[in-house]
Amino acid sequence: MTIARTTIGSSDLEIAPLALGGNVFGWTADRDASFEVLDAFLAGGGDFVDTADGYSHWVPGNGGGESETVIGEWFAARGNRDDVVLATKVSTHPQFSGLAGDNVRAAADASLQRLQTDRIDLYYAHFDDPETPLEETVAAFSGLVDAGKVRAIGVSNYTAERVEEWLRISREGGYHLPVALQPHYNLVERDFETNGLRDAAEGAGLAVFPYFSLAKGFLAGKYRDAGDVSAEGASPRAGQAAEYLNDRGRAVLAALDEVAAAHGAELATVSLAWLRSQPTVAAPIASARNLEQLPALLASLELELTAEELERLSAASA
């Protein structure tokens, strides 16, 4: 089966509709495991990798930039930079906090050095910075496009109002417009549909790339009771997935079980296929810390759910 490709908003960037999350690289996936996952992702038809300069500064002993460093070493070892569409973000690295213009420019240069590349395909403002005038941030991002260091601009974790303000400033100032939006969105986190962000994305033609697409593992069916969350070998994020262990969460798992059985598919595959089918969504973001977790993610590239199955899942999580 040929994997349908999608374009990132109004840019000339074209991808297979699944983003591999790099948040685990240099954290729960060491260098060797990260290389294996990246190799297998490309071999399986994926070509879009999402990371951030702050990954994974929260880990004791890490200072930020670990994920970018691993990816850069992989590019250097494989010589495959042109085979990958690369997204990274700025605002959370301890040495490059916030979105002041000088900081954005310095952080981009630091990311390019760690990534061992001459351009960032999609560069996100990771978190809004209310201390910095938005026009200063918008101008800095646009300047990076003019300089050839960034090919396209995205915004992440912004409110609908601030997305609209970014768009207005860009249009009025003649700056490069953003083409992508990265919100928190999945089958059990659906505020994106009603908080104005989806409307903003539709209005501006933004490609949407949801993060936590599998709700920290919950939508993969990994955690069905408290024992699963506390089990030996559970992911460091398992405790966060426990918040979904309620009647609604169990109803969603039951619907996923039903649809997955009909296709002989994993729950993660069905969860990602549902998300990819939602309006404005160009590709879900999902991470794999080992090779065993990757096939279920890649299978979502080819799974097409029926209208009835999509409605069954949506109704269960309503």
Protein backbone atom coordinates (compact mmCIF):
# COMPACT_ATOMS: atom_id res chain seq x y z
CA MET A 1 0.00 0.00 0.00
CA THR A 2 1.30 3.45 -0.93
CA ILE A 3 1.34 5.83 2.03
CA ALA A 4 -0.55 9.04 1.26
CA ARG A 5 1.57 12.11 1.87
CA THR A 6 0.55 15.48 3.22
CA THR A 7 1.88 19.02 2.95
CA ILE A 8 2.62 21.13 6.03
CA GLY A 9 0.20 24.02 5.66
CA SER A 10 1.16 26.41 2.88
CA SER A 11 4.83 25.37 2.97
CA ASP A 12 6.60 23.19 0.43
CA LEU A 13 7.36 20.60 3.11
CA GLU A 14 5.80 17.20 2.38
CA ILE A 15 5.66 14.34 4.89
CA ALA A 16 4.21 10.94 5.61
CA PRO A 17 1.39 11.67 8.12
CA LEU A 18 3.13 10.55 11.32
CA ALA A 19 5.69 12.46 13.37
CA LEU A 20 8.23 10.58 15.47
CA GLY A 21 8.55 12.35 18.81
CA GLY A 22 12.12 12.90 19.92
CA ASN A 23 11.35 13.65 23.57
CA VAL A 24 12.63 10.20 24.63
CA PHE A 25 16.01 10.44 22.86
CA GLY A 26 18.78 10.90 25.41
CA TRP A 27 16.31 10.14 28.19
CA THR A 28 14.41 6.83 28.25
CA ALA A 29 16.08 5.85 24.96
CA ASP A 30 19.88 5.97 25.03
CA ARG A 31 21.96 6.77 21.95
CA ASP A 32 21.97 3.23 20.55
CA ALA A 33 18.25 2.68 21.12
CA SER A 34 17.49 6.10 19.60
CA PHE A 35 19.51 5.25 16.48
CA GLU A 36 17.64 1.94 16.13
CA VAL A 37 14.25 3.65 16.42
CA LEU A 38 15.20 6.39 13.96
CA ASP A 39 16.55 3.85 11.45
CA ALA A 40 13.42 1.73 11.68
CA PHE A 41 11.13 4.74 11.44
CA LEU A 42 12.67 5.76 8.12
CA ALA A 43 12.71 2.18 6.87
CA GLY A 44 9.02 1.88 7.74
CA GLY A 45 7.96 4.88 5.65
CA GLY A 46 8.21 7.71 8.19
CA ASP A 47 10.23 10.84 7.48
CA PHE A 48 9.10 13.52 9.96
CA VAL A 49 10.96 13.87 13.29
CA ASP A 50 9.87 16.29 16.03
CA THR A 51 12.10 17.43 18.88
CA ALA A 52 12.86 20.54 21.00
CA ASP A 53 15.94 22.26 22.37
CA GLY A 54 14.71 21.71 25.93
CA TYR A 55 14.51 17.89 25.69
CA SER A 56 15.39 16.56 28.23
CA HIS A 57 16.62 19.15 30.75
CA TRP A 58 14.22 17.80 33.41
CA VAL A 59 16.24 14.60 33.80
CA PRO A 60 18.85 14.68 36.59
CA GLY A 61 22.26 15.09 34.99
CA ASN A 62 20.88 16.50 31.73
CA GLY A 63 21.17 20.15 30.75
CA GLY A 64 18.89 20.32 27.71
CA GLY A 65 19.68 19.62 24.07
CA GLU A 66 20.21 15.89 24.57
CA SER A 67 17.59 14.89 22.01
CA GLU A 68 18.92 17.28 19.36
CA THR A 69 22.45 16.03 20.00
CA VAL A 70 21.42 12.41 19.46
CA ILE A 71 19.58 13.28 16.25
CA GLY A 72 22.56 15.30 15.02
CA GLU A 73 24.90 12.40 15.67
CA TRP A 74 22.49 10.13 13.79
CA PHE A 75 22.43 12.51 10.81
CA ALA A 76 26.23 12.56 10.80
CA ALA A 77 26.52 8.78 11.07
CA ARG A 78 23.92 8.01 8.39
CA GLY A 79 24.39 10.95 6.00
CA ASN A 80 20.62 11.11 5.60
CA ARG A 81 19.70 14.68 6.54
CA ASP A 82 17.93 15.23 3.21
CA ASP A 83 15.67 12.21 3.86
CA VAL A 84 14.13 13.77 6.98
CA VAL A 85 11.81 16.69 7.63
CA LEU A 86 12.98 18.02 10.99
CA ALA A 87 11.01 20.05 13.51
CA THR A 88 12.45 21.55 16.67
CA LYS A 89 11.40 24.22 19.15
CA VAL A 90 12.68 27.11 21.25
CA SER A 91 11.88 28.55 24.69
CA THR A 92 12.55 25.82 27.28
CA HIS A 93 16.32 25.20 27.12
CA PRO A 94 17.73 26.44 30.44
CA GLN A 95 20.32 28.56 28.60
CA PHE A 96 17.82 29.88 26.04
CA SER A 97 14.64 30.47 27.97
CA GLY A 98 11.80 32.52 26.52
CA LEU A 99 11.17 34.12 23.14
CA ALA A 100 13.04 37.43 23.14
CA GLY A 101 14.42 38.13 19.67
CA ASP A 102 18.10 37.75 20.56
CA ASN A 103 17.35 34.56 22.46
CA VAL A 104 15.42 33.01 19.55
CA ARG A 105 18.30 33.73 17.18
CA ALA A 106 20.94 32.39 19.57
CA ALA A 107 18.86 29.30 20.39
CA ALA A 108 18.38 28.53 16.69
CA ASP A 109 22.13 28.66 16.13
CA ALA A 110 22.70 26.37 19.11
CA SER A 111 20.10 23.91 17.81
CA LEU A 112 21.67 23.91 14.34
CA GLN A 113 25.04 23.11 15.89
CA ARG A 114 23.68 20.24 18.00
CA LEU A 115 21.68 18.89 15.06
CA GLN A 116 24.73 19.13 12.77
CA THR A 117 22.65 20.70 10.01
CA ASP A 118 22.36 24.00 8.16
CA ARG A 119 18.58 24.38 8.43
CA ILE A 120 15.58 23.61 10.60
CA ASP A 121 12.63 22.58 8.45
CA LEU A 122 9.93 23.57 10.95
CA TYR A 123 10.78 25.82 13.92
CA TYR A 124 8.25 26.21 16.72
CA ALA A 125 7.75 28.76 19.43
CA HIS A 126 7.39 26.06 22.10
CA PHE A 127 5.56 28.00 24.82
CA ASP A 128 4.17 31.52 24.73
CA ASP A 129 6.32 34.17 26.42
CA PRO A 130 4.09 36.90 27.86
CA GLU A 131 7.17 38.86 29.00
CA THR A 132 8.24 39.50 25.40
CA PRO A 133 6.24 41.64 22.95
CA LEU A 134 4.79 39.21 20.43
CA GLU A 135 5.91 41.37 17.50
CA GLU A 136 9.53 40.93 18.63
CA THR A 137 9.11 37.14 18.59
CA VAL A 138 7.30 37.13 15.25
CA ALA A 139 10.01 39.29 13.68
CA ALA A 140 12.77 37.03 15.00
CA PHE A 141 11.19 33.90 13.58
CA SER A 142 10.56 35.56 10.24
CA GLY A 143 14.16 36.75 10.15
CA LEU A 144 15.39 33.19 10.57
CA VAL A 145 13.41 32.22 7.45
CA ASP A 146 14.95 35.15 5.55
CA ALA A 147 18.39 34.01 6.71
CA GLY A 148 17.80 30.50 5.35
CA LYS A 149 18.18 28.89 8.78
CA VAL A 150 14.49 27.97 9.06
CA ARG A 151 12.17 26.83 6.27
CA ALA A 152 8.81 27.19 8.03
CA ILE A 153 7.37 28.48 11.31
CA GLY A 154 5.08 26.81 13.86
CA VAL A 155 3.50 27.68 17.20
CA SER A 156 2.96 25.30 20.12
CA ASN A 157 0.97 25.61 23.36
CA TYR A 158 -0.54 28.96 22.39
CA THR A 159 -4.13 30.00 23.04
CA ALA A 160 -6.39 30.65 20.08
CA GLU A 161 -6.29 34.37 20.84
CA ARG A 162 -2.50 34.46 20.76
CA VAL A 163 -2.39 32.41 17.55
CA GLU A 164 -4.73 34.94 15.94
CA GLU A 165 -2.55 37.78 17.24
CA TRP A 166 0.59 36.15 15.76
CA LEU A 167 -1.21 35.85 12.41
CA ARG A 168 -2.35 39.48 12.53
CA ILE A 169 1.13 40.78 13.34
CA SER A 170 2.60 38.67 10.54
CA ARG A 171 0.13 39.95 7.97
CA GLU A 172 0.37 43.59 9.01
CA GLY A 173 4.17 43.53 9.26
CA GLY A 174 4.84 41.53 6.11
CA TYR A 175 6.43 38.71 8.10
CA HIS A 176 6.43 35.03 7.16
CA LEU A 177 3.23 33.40 8.39
CA PRO A 178 3.23 30.29 10.57
CA VAL A 179 2.16 27.10 8.82
CA ALA A 180 1.79 24.69 11.75
CA LEU A 181 0.21 24.41 15.18
CA GLN A 182 1.14 21.90 17.88
CA PRO A 183 -1.55 21.47 20.56
CA HIS A 184 -2.33 18.89 23.24
CA TYR A 185 -4.96 16.71 21.55
CA ASN A 186 -5.95 13.06 21.56
CA LEU A 187 -8.98 10.80 22.01
CA VAL A 188 -9.29 11.64 25.73
CA GLU A 189 -8.06 15.27 25.53
CA ARG A 190 -10.42 17.05 23.15
CA ASP A 191 -10.43 20.68 24.30
CA PHE A 192 -8.70 21.54 21.01
CA GLU A 193 -12.03 21.04 19.26
CA THR A 194 -13.87 23.65 21.33
CA ASN A 195 -11.31 26.17 22.66
CA GLY A 196 -10.94 28.06 19.39
CA LEU A 197 -7.67 26.46 18.31
CA ARG A 198 -9.23 24.21 15.68
CA ASP A 199 -11.16 27.18 14.29
CA ALA A 200 -7.95 29.22 14.16
CA ALA A 201 -6.12 26.39 12.38
CA GLU A 202 -8.92 26.00 9.85
CA GLY A 203 -9.09 29.72 9.20
CA ALA A 204 -5.35 30.09 8.60
CA GLY A 205 -4.73 26.75 6.91
CA LEU A 206 -2.37 25.60 9.67
CA ALA A 207 -1.27 21.98 9.73
CA VAL A 208 -1.98 20.55 13.18
CA PHE A 209 0.47 18.16 14.86
CA PRO A 210 -0.98 16.95 18.19
CA TYR A 211 1.39 15.97 20.98
CA PHE A 212 0.69 13.34 23.66
CA SER A 213 -1.25 11.60 20.88
CA LEU A 214 -1.43 8.41 22.95
CA ALA A 215 -2.20 10.19 26.24
CA LYS A 216 1.14 9.20 27.80
CA GLY A 217 0.57 5.56 26.88
CA PHE A 218 -3.02 5.27 28.06
CA LEU A 219 -4.43 5.06 24.52
CA ALA A 220 -2.02 2.26 23.70
CA GLY A 221 -3.88 0.15 26.26
CA LYS A 222 -0.80 -0.14 28.44
CA TYR A 223 -2.52 1.02 31.61
CA ARG A 224 -5.88 -0.51 32.51
CA ASP A 225 -5.65 -0.51 36.31
CA ALA A 226 -3.53 0.92 39.09
CA GLY A 227 -1.28 -2.15 39.06
CA ASP A 228 -0.20 -1.45 35.47
CA VAL A 229 0.80 2.09 36.40
CA SER A 230 2.98 1.00 39.30
CA ALA A 231 4.37 -2.15 37.68
CA GLU A 232 8.11 -2.68 37.47
CA GLY A 233 9.45 -1.44 34.15
CA ALA A 234 6.58 1.00 33.59
CA SER A 235 7.41 4.21 31.73
CA PRO A 236 8.39 7.27 33.81
CA ARG A 237 5.18 8.83 32.47
CA ALA A 238 2.96 5.97 33.65
CA GLY A 239 1.85 7.84 36.75
CA GLN A 240 0.53 10.66 34.56
CA ALA A 241 -1.53 8.19 32.50
CA ALA A 242 -3.34 7.13 35.67
CA GLU A 243 -5.51 10.26 35.48
CA TYR A 244 -7.45 8.60 32.65
CA LEU A 245 -8.32 5.49 34.66
CA ASN A 246 -11.98 6.44 35.17
CA ASP A 247 -15.33 5.45 33.67
CA ARG A 248 -14.81 7.59 30.59
CA GLY A 249 -11.30 6.27 30.05
CA ARG A 250 -12.46 2.67 30.35
CA ALA A 251 -15.27 3.35 27.85
CA VAL A 252 -12.70 4.65 25.39
CA LEU A 253 -10.52 1.57 25.89
CA ALA A 254 -13.55 -0.67 25.30
CA ALA A 255 -14.30 1.11 22.02
CA LEU A 256 -10.64 0.90 21.00
CA ASP A 257 -10.59 -2.83 21.82
CA GLU A 258 -13.62 -3.34 19.58
CA VAL A 259 -12.25 -1.40 16.60
CA ALA A 260 -8.75 -2.85 16.99
CA ALA A 261 -10.14 -6.39 16.99
CA ALA A 262 -12.01 -5.69 13.74
CA HIS A 263 -8.75 -4.71 12.05
CA GLY A 264 -6.35 -7.05 13.82
CA ALA A 265 -4.55 -3.90 14.95
CA GLU A 266 -2.94 -2.56 18.11
CA LEU A 267 -4.82 0.02 20.19
CA ALA A 268 -2.08 2.56 19.56
CA THR A 269 -2.54 2.12 15.81
CA VAL A 270 -6.28 2.77 16.06
CA SER A 271 -5.81 5.77 18.39
CA LEU A 272 -3.40 7.41 15.96
CA ALA A 273 -5.61 6.62 12.95
CA TRP A 274 -8.56 8.30 14.70
CA LEU A 275 -6.47 11.38 15.43
CA ARG A 276 -5.09 11.59 11.89
CA SER A 277 -8.68 11.54 10.58
CA GLN A 278 -9.76 14.62 12.56
CA PRO A 279 -10.21 18.00 10.82
CA THR A 280 -7.00 20.08 10.47
CA VAL A 281 -4.74 17.25 11.77
CA ALA A 282 -1.83 16.64 9.40
CA ALA A 283 -0.03 14.07 11.54
CA PRO A 284 -0.05 12.87 15.15
CA ILE A 285 3.22 12.93 17.10
CA ALA A 286 4.14 9.71 18.90
CA SER A 287 7.38 8.52 20.45
CA ALA A 288 8.95 5.09 20.79
CA ARG A 289 11.69 4.36 23.30
CA ASN A 290 12.48 0.96 21.76
CA LEU A 291 11.94 -1.00 18.55
CA GLU A 292 9.09 -3.01 20.07
CA GLN A 293 6.89 0.11 20.35
CA LEU A 294 7.46 1.32 16.79
CA PRO A 295 5.45 -1.10 14.55
CA ALA A 296 2.12 -0.08 16.08
CA LEU A 297 2.91 3.56 15.34
CA LEU A 298 3.97 2.94 11.74
CA ALA A 299 0.90 0.77 11.12
CA SER A 300 -1.25 3.87 11.64
CA LEU A 301 0.07 5.25 8.36
CA GLU A 302 -1.95 2.63 6.48
CA LEU A 303 -4.99 2.07 8.72
CA GLU A 304 -8.15 3.73 7.44
CA LEU A 305 -11.09 3.63 9.84
CA THR A 306 -14.69 3.64 8.62
CA ALA A 307 -17.01 6.54 9.36
CA GLU A 308 -18.87 4.30 11.79
CA GLU A 309 -15.68 3.39 13.62
CA LEU A 310 -14.60 7.00 13.87
CA GLU A 311 -18.01 7.91 15.30
CA ARG A 312 -17.91 4.97 17.73
CA LEU A 313 -14.59 6.20 19.13
CA SER A 314 -15.66 9.85 19.23
CA ALA A 315 -18.88 8.99 21.04
CA ALA A 316 -17.06 6.88 23.63
CA SER A 317 -14.81 9.81 24.53
CA ALA A 318 -17.46 12.54 24.38
